[in-house]
Amino acid sequence: MLNTAFKHSPLPDDEQLISCKICMEFVPLSESQISEAEEYIAYFCGLECYDLWKHQKQTTKINKEE
């Protein structure tokens, strides 16, 4: 009897992984939350990390204005 092991890949071969801007967790590009910031695109694993990033950015902006 021939015992064959199949490689199981949870993502398609052409699926690109990106890292979240906040927690650095790798997520598929198709499942990420995207924000087009001033001069770059930021990727997030979910809305919680996006909200944290947005709050940090607003706090930084307020501090610069003072």
Protein backbone atom coordinates (compact mmCIF):
# COMPACT_ATOMS: atom_id res chain seq x y z
CA MET A 1 0.00 0.00 0.00
CA LEU A 2 1.36 3.41 -1.00
CA ASN A 3 1.07 6.09 1.68
CA THR A 4 0.93 9.50 0.01
CA ALA A 5 0.98 12.72 1.99
CA PHE A 6 -0.72 15.71 0.46
CA LYS A 7 0.48 19.19 1.24
CA HIS A 8 -2.48 21.18 2.49
CA SER A 9 -2.24 24.90 1.90
CA PRO A 10 -4.96 27.05 3.49
CA LEU A 11 -4.26 29.86 1.01
CA PRO A 12 -4.20 29.76 -2.77
CA ASP A 13 -0.65 29.91 -4.15
CA ASP A 14 -1.29 33.36 -5.63
CA GLU A 15 -2.69 34.87 -2.40
CA GLN A 16 -0.43 37.62 -1.09
CA LEU A 17 0.17 37.92 2.66
CA ILE A 18 0.63 41.36 4.19
CA SER A 19 1.40 42.41 7.76
CA CYS A 20 -0.92 44.50 9.88
CA LYS A 21 0.39 48.03 10.53
CA ILE A 22 -0.35 47.70 14.28
CA CYS A 23 0.11 44.10 15.47
CA MET A 24 2.28 42.88 12.55
CA GLU A 25 0.11 39.75 12.16
CA PHE A 26 0.19 38.33 8.64
CA VAL A 27 -3.18 38.22 6.91
CA PRO A 28 -4.24 37.55 3.30
CA LEU A 29 -4.48 40.77 1.31
CA SER A 30 -8.06 39.90 0.31
CA GLU A 31 -9.11 39.82 4.00
CA SER A 32 -7.29 42.94 5.18
CA GLN A 33 -8.73 46.33 5.98
CA ILE A 34 -7.05 49.05 3.90
CA SER A 35 -6.58 52.72 4.67
CA GLU A 36 -5.06 55.09 2.16
CA ALA A 37 -3.03 57.35 4.41
CA GLU A 38 -1.40 60.60 3.31
CA GLU A 39 1.38 59.16 1.13
CA TYR A 40 1.11 55.40 1.56
CA ILE A 41 -1.33 52.54 2.00
CA ALA A 42 -1.61 50.93 5.43
CA TYR A 43 -3.00 47.42 5.92
CA PHE A 44 -4.75 46.13 9.04
CA CYS A 45 -5.83 42.66 10.16
CA GLY A 46 -9.20 44.01 11.29
CA LEU A 47 -11.19 46.98 12.45
CA GLU A 48 -9.78 46.85 15.99
CA CYS A 49 -6.22 47.49 14.77
CA TYR A 50 -7.47 50.08 12.27
CA ASP A 51 -9.29 51.98 15.05
CA LEU A 52 -6.17 51.85 17.25
CA TRP A 53 -4.03 53.22 14.39
CA LYS A 54 -6.57 55.96 13.63
CA HIS A 55 -6.69 56.99 17.31
CA GLN A 56 -2.87 57.07 17.51
CA LYS A 57 -2.70 59.19 14.38
CA GLN A 58 -5.29 61.67 15.71
CA THR A 59 -3.44 61.93 19.03
CA THR A 60 -0.16 62.62 17.21
CA LYS A 61 -1.83 65.31 15.08
CA ILE A 62 -3.26 67.05 18.18
CA ASN A 63 0.11 66.97 19.93
CA LYS A 64 1.81 68.55 16.90
CA GLU A 65 -0.72 71.39 16.84
CA GLU A 66 -0.05 72.33 20.50
